[in-house]
Amino acid sequence: CDQYKKGIISGSTCKDLCEERSLLFQHCLSSSPTQQVYSGLWRETEVIIKCGIEEALKADSHPDSVPRRDMVLFDKPTRGTSMDEFKEMLLNFLKSNLGDQPSLAALVSRIIAMADVNRDGKVSLAEAKSIWALLQLNEFLLMLSLHEKEHTSKLLGHCGDLYVTEKIPHTSLYGVDVPPFLQSLLPSIVHQIIHQWFAPAWPRRAKIAIGLLEFVEEIFHGTYGNFYICETSFKNVGYNDKYDFKMVNLRKVATEMTIRGFLKGRHCEQNVDCTYGKDCMATCDKLLKQCKSDMVQPNLAKVCGLLQDYLLYGAPLELKEELQKQLRTCMTLSGLASQMEVHHSLVLNNLKTLLWKKISNTKYS
């Protein structure tokens, strides 16, 4: 608010946050010093408030480095930058992060429209600095890139590099999660029983799973390039009250460009040395002792591993055997480019069709 009052930053929620006090912080939801996430109320609606601090995947490798809030300088673009220069800046930034996609010009227009808070057709320096700072945050960039199919949280507004998103009611595939302090104490079989006990009815799980498969489809050669889920866990995926799938944590998703940059020239002895995030593993060329850019396991295979427990429990008997067979086939998919395209689409569509046939024309669809 101090920076807003000085005219350094701007945004659609600044007035509500700093003057009218209608955007309220409630509880801190993050235990990481590098990530500030709060539940909040905005005009009587429950929201999530996130403050841009430091990237999850970068920060995780240096747990001791506690970032300082004042490190965000809002120093770009500089005074005197023309509108055309700013558009060029945005386009080059998107190219380096998402690859040279034909659709980037449309994304630039969307960013400009979002930056123009007062809708006067111009972007002020404060508006430009705020949107530029936001774009440096991986999650914000992904939210913009993956908004079309509504599998991510809706972006509701921003102020400087703070942004507000809708609250996803269920932040785990199972609808309930074992409290952190109990997780290490309970054996995995107990976790499984708790999950099964509280999980939605099977047809609802099938609907959520179809949404998750659609998300995998969307991020594989989507409008803005290729994306990888780098921590495939039921805790990063959830759903809303209509049982529509929602990706809860986009911080665990990376663009192909990011991963390529990470792998380029990286020394390795074995595949595990070429791991980005938790489970985005590429192959190691053992002769050259360098990482290659082929993923060992594609998104789809990892997601099917997640869906195996989720869908087989309580599945209709007439479907169970076929479902198990298809999930097994899916889990053996390799990330090698040669077998990607056709095979993947086939496996994915077969799974979606199998599930959809079972729940279409019922109250669950």
Protein backbone atom coordinates (compact mmCIF):
# COMPACT_ATOMS: atom_id res chain seq x y z
CA CYS A 1 0.00 0.00 0.00
CA ASP A 2 2.93 2.28 0.67
CA GLN A 3 4.15 1.75 -2.91
CA TYR A 4 0.61 2.23 -4.24
CA LYS A 5 0.25 5.56 -2.42
CA LYS A 6 3.60 6.69 -3.81
CA GLY A 7 2.33 5.88 -7.31
CA ILE A 8 4.98 3.21 -7.95
CA ILE A 9 2.49 0.38 -8.47
CA SER A 10 -1.11 -0.02 -9.52
CA GLY A 11 -3.70 -2.75 -9.92
CA SER A 12 -7.38 -3.62 -9.93
CA THR A 13 -7.46 -4.47 -6.22
CA CYS A 14 -5.24 -1.68 -4.86
CA LYS A 15 -8.13 0.61 -3.98
CA ASP A 16 -10.03 -2.15 -2.19
CA LEU A 17 -6.92 -3.23 -0.32
CA CYS A 18 -5.45 0.13 0.64
CA GLU A 19 -8.30 2.64 0.72
CA GLU A 20 -11.62 0.89 1.16
CA ARG A 21 -10.22 -2.05 3.14
CA SER A 22 -12.70 -4.41 1.49
CA LEU A 23 -9.97 -6.95 0.71
CA LEU A 24 -9.06 -8.56 4.01
CA PHE A 25 -6.32 -11.05 4.88
CA GLN A 26 -7.51 -13.91 7.11
CA HIS A 27 -5.22 -16.92 7.60
CA CYS A 28 -1.73 -17.77 6.44
CA LEU A 29 -1.86 -20.98 4.37
CA SER A 30 1.82 -21.49 3.66
CA SER A 31 4.56 -22.90 5.84
CA SER A 32 7.29 -21.88 3.39
CA PRO A 33 9.18 -18.62 3.98
CA THR A 34 9.51 -18.19 0.22
CA GLN A 35 5.79 -18.26 -0.47
CA GLN A 36 3.11 -16.05 1.04
CA VAL A 37 -0.40 -17.41 0.60
CA TYR A 38 -3.40 -16.24 2.58
CA SER A 39 -7.09 -16.96 2.68
CA GLY A 40 -9.02 -13.73 2.53
CA LEU A 41 -12.34 -12.00 2.05
CA TRP A 42 -13.00 -9.67 -0.84
CA ARG A 43 -16.38 -7.97 -0.91
CA GLU A 44 -17.77 -10.80 1.22
CA THR A 45 -16.40 -13.53 -1.11
CA GLU A 46 -13.80 -16.05 0.02
CA VAL A 47 -10.59 -15.66 -1.98
CA ILE A 48 -6.92 -16.64 -1.94
CA ILE A 49 -4.31 -13.87 -1.79
CA LYS A 50 -0.78 -14.54 -3.00
CA CYS A 51 2.24 -12.30 -2.67
CA GLY A 52 5.00 -12.71 -5.19
CA ILE A 53 8.23 -13.49 -3.42
CA GLU A 54 10.38 -16.16 -4.95
CA GLU A 55 9.96 -19.15 -7.18
CA ALA A 56 9.11 -22.45 -5.52
CA LEU A 57 11.44 -24.64 -7.53
CA LYS A 58 14.36 -22.22 -7.30
CA ALA A 59 13.75 -21.60 -3.63
CA ASP A 60 13.40 -25.25 -2.71
CA SER A 61 17.03 -25.86 -3.60
CA HIS A 62 18.17 -23.13 -1.18
CA PRO A 63 15.93 -23.54 1.85
CA ASP A 64 18.11 -21.24 3.96
CA SER A 65 17.72 -18.20 1.77
CA VAL A 66 14.86 -16.21 3.23
CA PRO A 67 13.86 -13.65 0.60
CA ARG A 68 13.21 -10.09 1.59
CA ARG A 69 9.98 -8.41 0.59
CA ASP A 70 11.77 -5.23 -0.47
CA MET A 71 13.79 -7.08 -3.10
CA VAL A 72 11.01 -6.47 -5.64
CA LEU A 73 12.16 -3.16 -7.06
CA PHE A 74 9.47 -2.54 -9.69
CA ASP A 75 12.28 -1.15 -11.83
CA LYS A 76 11.00 -2.26 -15.25
CA PRO A 77 9.91 -0.86 -17.62
CA THR A 78 11.81 2.39 -17.15
CA ARG A 79 10.34 5.87 -17.51
CA GLY A 80 10.13 6.93 -21.14
CA THR A 81 9.37 3.44 -22.49
CA SER A 82 6.84 3.76 -25.30
CA MET A 83 3.79 1.53 -25.64
CA ASP A 84 5.31 -0.23 -28.65
CA GLU A 85 8.54 -0.84 -26.76
CA PHE A 86 6.59 -2.28 -23.84
CA LYS A 87 4.68 -4.62 -26.16
CA GLU A 88 8.00 -5.71 -27.66
CA MET A 89 9.38 -6.31 -24.15
CA LEU A 90 6.37 -8.48 -23.32
CA LEU A 91 6.59 -10.43 -26.56
CA ASN A 92 10.30 -11.18 -26.09
CA PHE A 93 9.71 -12.19 -22.49
CA LEU A 94 6.91 -14.58 -23.47
CA LYS A 95 9.01 -16.04 -26.30
CA SER A 96 11.86 -16.81 -23.91
CA ASN A 97 9.47 -18.41 -21.41
CA LEU A 98 6.87 -20.12 -23.57
CA GLY A 99 8.74 -20.60 -26.85
CA ASP A 100 7.98 -18.90 -30.14
CA GLN A 101 4.25 -19.67 -30.36
CA PRO A 102 2.01 -18.10 -33.03
CA SER A 103 -0.54 -17.25 -30.33
CA LEU A 104 1.72 -14.96 -28.29
CA ALA A 105 0.45 -11.72 -29.85
CA ALA A 106 -3.02 -12.48 -28.47
CA LEU A 107 -1.52 -13.09 -25.03
CA VAL A 108 0.30 -9.75 -25.17
CA SER A 109 -3.03 -8.01 -25.91
CA ARG A 110 -4.61 -9.80 -22.97
CA ILE A 111 -1.78 -8.72 -20.65
CA ILE A 112 -2.07 -5.10 -21.84
CA ALA A 113 -5.84 -5.15 -21.22
CA MET A 114 -5.26 -6.56 -17.74
CA ALA A 115 -2.61 -3.94 -16.98
CA ASP A 116 -4.90 -1.09 -18.02
CA VAL A 117 -6.76 -0.96 -14.72
CA ASN A 118 -8.58 2.33 -15.26
CA ARG A 119 -9.66 1.28 -18.78
CA ASP A 120 -8.43 4.47 -20.42
CA GLY A 121 -6.81 2.62 -23.32
CA LYS A 122 -3.33 3.57 -22.09
CA VAL A 123 -0.95 1.80 -19.74
CA SER A 124 0.65 4.05 -17.13
CA LEU A 125 4.16 3.42 -15.82
CA ALA A 126 2.79 2.10 -12.50
CA GLU A 127 0.40 -0.24 -14.35
CA ALA A 128 3.21 -1.51 -16.58
CA LYS A 129 5.61 -2.05 -13.66
CA SER A 130 2.99 -4.02 -11.74
CA ILE A 131 2.10 -6.38 -14.57
CA TRP A 132 5.80 -6.87 -15.40
CA ALA A 133 6.56 -7.83 -11.78
CA LEU A 134 3.64 -10.28 -11.81
CA LEU A 135 4.80 -11.94 -15.01
CA GLN A 136 8.10 -12.82 -13.33
CA LEU A 137 6.12 -15.20 -11.10
CA ASN A 138 5.85 -18.63 -12.68
CA GLU A 139 2.37 -19.31 -11.32
CA PHE A 140 0.93 -16.03 -12.59
CA LEU A 141 2.37 -16.60 -16.06
CA LEU A 142 0.88 -20.11 -16.12
CA MET A 143 -2.50 -18.86 -14.94
CA LEU A 144 -2.59 -16.48 -17.88
CA SER A 145 -1.43 -19.15 -20.32
CA LEU A 146 -3.81 -21.88 -19.14
CA HIS A 147 -6.99 -19.91 -18.47
CA GLU A 148 -9.01 -21.11 -21.46
CA LYS A 149 -10.34 -24.44 -20.21
CA GLU A 150 -10.99 -23.21 -16.66
CA HIS A 151 -8.93 -25.95 -15.04
CA THR A 152 -6.96 -23.39 -13.05
CA SER A 153 -8.10 -20.90 -10.39
CA LYS A 154 -9.70 -17.78 -11.80
CA LEU A 155 -7.55 -14.70 -11.49
CA LEU A 156 -9.66 -12.01 -9.81
CA GLY A 157 -7.31 -9.05 -9.51
CA HIS A 158 -3.89 -7.73 -8.52
CA CYS A 159 -2.05 -4.89 -6.84
CA GLY A 160 1.64 -4.62 -7.67
CA ASP A 161 2.88 -8.20 -7.47
CA LEU A 162 0.14 -9.33 -5.09
CA TYR A 163 -2.66 -11.21 -6.82
CA VAL A 164 -6.05 -12.56 -5.84
CA THR A 165 -7.59 -15.81 -7.10
CA GLU A 166 -10.81 -17.67 -6.49
CA LYS A 167 -10.79 -20.15 -3.63
CA ILE A 168 -10.94 -23.81 -4.66
CA PRO A 169 -13.17 -25.54 -2.08
CA HIS A 170 -11.45 -28.95 -2.23
CA THR A 171 -7.67 -28.75 -2.46
CA SER A 172 -7.00 -32.47 -2.60
CA LEU A 173 -8.36 -35.16 -4.92
CA TYR A 174 -9.78 -36.98 -1.92
CA GLY A 175 -11.75 -34.07 -0.50
CA VAL A 176 -9.94 -34.37 2.82
CA ASP A 177 -6.31 -34.64 3.78
CA VAL A 178 -4.56 -36.12 6.79
CA PRO A 179 -3.32 -33.20 8.97
CA PRO A 180 0.45 -32.62 8.53
CA PHE A 181 1.29 -33.46 12.16
CA LEU A 182 -0.33 -36.90 11.75
CA GLN A 183 1.10 -37.71 8.32
CA SER A 184 4.43 -39.05 9.51
CA LEU A 185 2.87 -40.96 12.40
CA LEU A 186 0.30 -42.96 10.45
CA PRO A 187 1.24 -45.89 8.21
CA SER A 188 0.34 -45.49 4.54
CA ILE A 189 -2.47 -48.06 4.77
CA VAL A 190 -4.25 -45.77 7.28
CA HIS A 191 -3.83 -42.82 4.88
CA GLN A 192 -5.42 -44.97 2.20
CA ILE A 193 -8.38 -45.91 4.40
CA ILE A 194 -8.96 -42.26 5.40
CA HIS A 195 -8.82 -41.18 1.75
CA GLN A 196 -11.22 -43.90 0.64
CA TRP A 197 -13.58 -43.11 3.49
CA PHE A 198 -13.86 -39.42 2.60
CA ALA A 199 -13.47 -39.60 -1.18
CA PRO A 200 -16.41 -38.49 -3.34
CA ALA A 201 -18.72 -41.16 -4.81
CA TRP A 202 -17.16 -43.08 -7.72
CA PRO A 203 -19.09 -41.32 -10.53
CA ARG A 204 -17.97 -37.98 -9.10
CA ARG A 205 -14.38 -39.19 -8.98
CA ALA A 206 -14.76 -40.24 -12.62
CA LYS A 207 -15.92 -36.71 -13.51
CA ILE A 208 -12.95 -35.15 -11.67
CA ALA A 209 -10.60 -37.63 -13.41
CA ILE A 210 -11.97 -36.65 -16.84
CA GLY A 211 -11.17 -33.01 -15.98
CA LEU A 212 -7.63 -33.97 -14.95
CA LEU A 213 -7.14 -35.86 -18.23
CA GLU A 214 -8.43 -32.83 -20.15
CA PHE A 215 -5.89 -30.67 -18.31
CA VAL A 216 -3.11 -33.05 -19.36
CA GLU A 217 -4.39 -32.76 -22.93
CA GLU A 218 -4.46 -28.98 -22.67
CA ILE A 219 -0.87 -28.62 -21.45
CA PHE A 220 0.55 -31.04 -24.00
CA HIS A 221 1.09 -28.87 -27.07
CA GLY A 222 -1.50 -26.36 -25.90
CA THR A 223 -2.15 -22.86 -27.24
CA TYR A 224 0.97 -21.52 -25.56
CA GLY A 225 3.29 -24.50 -25.88
CA ASN A 226 4.18 -27.49 -23.77
CA PHE A 227 4.00 -27.71 -19.96
CA TYR A 228 5.10 -30.37 -17.50
CA ILE A 229 3.68 -31.29 -14.11
CA CYS A 230 6.80 -31.62 -11.96
CA GLU A 231 5.25 -32.86 -8.75
CA THR A 232 2.44 -35.28 -9.41
CA SER A 233 0.63 -35.56 -6.12
CA PHE A 234 -3.04 -35.71 -5.14
CA LYS A 235 -2.32 -32.65 -2.98
CA ASN A 236 -1.68 -30.44 -6.01
CA VAL A 237 -5.01 -31.22 -7.65
CA GLY A 238 -8.53 -30.57 -6.41
CA TYR A 239 -12.06 -29.79 -7.49
CA ASN A 240 -14.92 -27.36 -6.96
CA ASP A 241 -18.42 -27.91 -5.59
CA LYS A 242 -19.64 -29.09 -9.00
CA TYR A 243 -16.86 -31.71 -9.06
CA ASP A 244 -15.04 -29.93 -11.88
CA PHE A 245 -11.31 -30.60 -11.73
CA LYS A 246 -9.07 -27.69 -10.69
CA MET A 247 -5.28 -27.57 -10.63
CA VAL A 248 -4.55 -26.29 -7.13
CA ASN A 249 -0.83 -25.66 -7.29
CA LEU A 250 0.53 -24.30 -10.55
CA ARG A 251 3.87 -23.65 -8.86
CA LYS A 252 4.60 -27.32 -9.54
CA VAL A 253 4.03 -26.93 -13.29
CA ALA A 254 6.90 -25.82 -15.53
CA THR A 255 7.13 -24.69 -19.13
CA GLU A 256 9.14 -26.70 -21.62
CA MET A 257 11.49 -23.73 -22.05
CA THR A 258 12.21 -23.62 -18.31
CA ILE A 259 13.05 -27.31 -18.21
CA ARG A 260 15.18 -27.13 -21.35
CA GLY A 261 17.12 -24.23 -19.87
CA PHE A 262 17.67 -26.26 -16.71
CA LEU A 263 18.84 -29.38 -18.60
CA LYS A 264 21.05 -27.67 -21.17
CA GLY A 265 24.67 -28.63 -20.61
CA ARG A 266 23.89 -30.19 -17.22
CA HIS A 267 26.42 -32.82 -16.13
CA CYS A 268 24.98 -36.22 -15.19
CA GLU A 269 26.00 -39.76 -14.28
CA GLN A 270 22.48 -41.20 -14.41
CA ASN A 271 18.89 -40.14 -15.21
CA VAL A 272 18.15 -39.02 -11.67
CA ASP A 273 20.76 -36.23 -12.03
CA CYS A 274 18.52 -34.73 -14.73
CA THR A 275 15.51 -34.14 -12.47
CA TYR A 276 13.72 -30.81 -12.42
CA GLY A 277 11.36 -30.22 -9.49
CA LYS A 278 10.33 -33.48 -7.89
CA ASP A 279 9.65 -35.81 -10.79
CA CYS A 280 10.38 -34.20 -14.16
CA MET A 281 13.21 -36.54 -15.05
CA ALA A 282 15.02 -36.46 -18.38
CA THR A 283 17.42 -39.03 -19.80
CA CYS A 284 21.16 -38.88 -19.23
CA ASP A 285 23.51 -39.47 -22.16
CA LYS A 286 25.99 -41.73 -20.37
CA LEU A 287 28.67 -41.32 -23.04
CA LEU A 288 28.65 -37.53 -23.08
CA LYS A 289 27.65 -37.35 -19.40
CA GLN A 290 25.09 -34.69 -20.25
CA CYS A 291 21.34 -34.45 -19.82
CA LYS A 292 19.17 -34.84 -22.91
CA SER A 293 15.81 -33.12 -23.29
CA ASP A 294 13.64 -36.26 -23.56
CA MET A 295 11.43 -36.80 -20.52
CA VAL A 296 11.52 -40.31 -19.07
CA GLN A 297 7.84 -40.17 -18.10
CA PRO A 298 5.27 -37.90 -19.71
CA ASN A 299 2.53 -36.08 -17.77
CA LEU A 300 -0.06 -38.66 -18.80
CA ALA A 301 1.83 -41.65 -17.39
CA LYS A 302 2.36 -39.85 -14.07
CA VAL A 303 -1.29 -38.80 -13.86
CA CYS A 304 -2.46 -42.36 -14.59
CA GLY A 305 -0.32 -43.53 -11.68
CA LEU A 306 -2.20 -41.05 -9.51
CA LEU A 307 -5.58 -42.16 -10.88
CA GLN A 308 -4.97 -45.85 -10.33
CA ASP A 309 -5.78 -45.79 -6.60
CA TYR A 310 -8.29 -43.02 -7.09
CA LEU A 311 -10.47 -44.72 -9.70
CA LEU A 312 -10.14 -48.45 -9.06
CA TYR A 313 -11.46 -48.28 -5.51
CA GLY A 314 -15.25 -48.62 -5.67
CA ALA A 315 -15.31 -48.75 -9.48
CA PRO A 316 -18.33 -50.53 -11.05
CA LEU A 317 -17.49 -54.22 -11.46
CA GLU A 318 -18.29 -54.38 -15.18
CA LEU A 319 -15.78 -51.59 -15.76
CA LYS A 320 -13.00 -52.41 -13.32
CA GLU A 321 -11.01 -54.87 -15.42
CA GLU A 322 -10.98 -52.69 -18.55
CA LEU A 323 -10.17 -49.60 -16.48
CA GLN A 324 -7.26 -51.36 -14.79
CA LYS A 325 -5.93 -52.52 -18.16
CA GLN A 326 -6.12 -49.03 -19.67
CA LEU A 327 -4.49 -47.39 -16.65
CA ARG A 328 -1.64 -49.92 -16.79
CA THR A 329 -1.07 -49.23 -20.49
CA CYS A 330 -1.10 -45.53 -19.72
CA MET A 331 1.46 -45.83 -16.92
CA THR A 332 3.95 -47.51 -19.25
CA LEU A 333 3.97 -44.62 -21.73
CA SER A 334 7.41 -43.22 -22.32
CA GLY A 335 8.30 -39.58 -22.86
CA LEU A 336 10.38 -40.24 -25.96
CA ALA A 337 9.31 -37.91 -28.72
CA SER A 338 9.01 -40.70 -31.29
CA GLN A 339 6.07 -42.37 -29.56
CA MET A 340 4.42 -39.32 -28.09
CA GLU A 341 1.80 -37.80 -30.34
CA VAL A 342 -0.53 -40.48 -31.70
CA HIS A 343 -0.09 -43.07 -28.98
CA HIS A 344 -0.70 -40.55 -26.21
CA SER A 345 -3.85 -39.12 -27.75
CA LEU A 346 -5.19 -42.61 -28.27
CA VAL A 347 -4.59 -43.73 -24.68
CA LEU A 348 -5.98 -40.49 -23.29
CA ASN A 349 -9.12 -40.55 -25.42
CA ASN A 350 -9.78 -44.22 -24.65
CA LEU A 351 -9.66 -43.50 -20.94
CA LYS A 352 -11.87 -40.43 -21.20
CA THR A 353 -14.41 -42.31 -23.34
CA LEU A 354 -14.51 -45.27 -20.95
CA LEU A 355 -15.23 -43.01 -17.96
CA TRP A 356 -17.61 -40.72 -19.80
CA LYS A 357 -19.73 -43.58 -21.15
CA LYS A 358 -20.29 -44.75 -17.60
CA ILE A 359 -21.40 -41.41 -16.17
CA SER A 360 -23.00 -39.63 -19.15
CA ASN A 361 -26.77 -39.28 -18.99
CA THR A 362 -26.72 -39.76 -15.22
CA LYS A 363 -27.17 -37.12 -12.54
CA TYR A 364 -23.39 -37.08 -12.11
CA SER A 365 -22.59 -35.74 -15.57
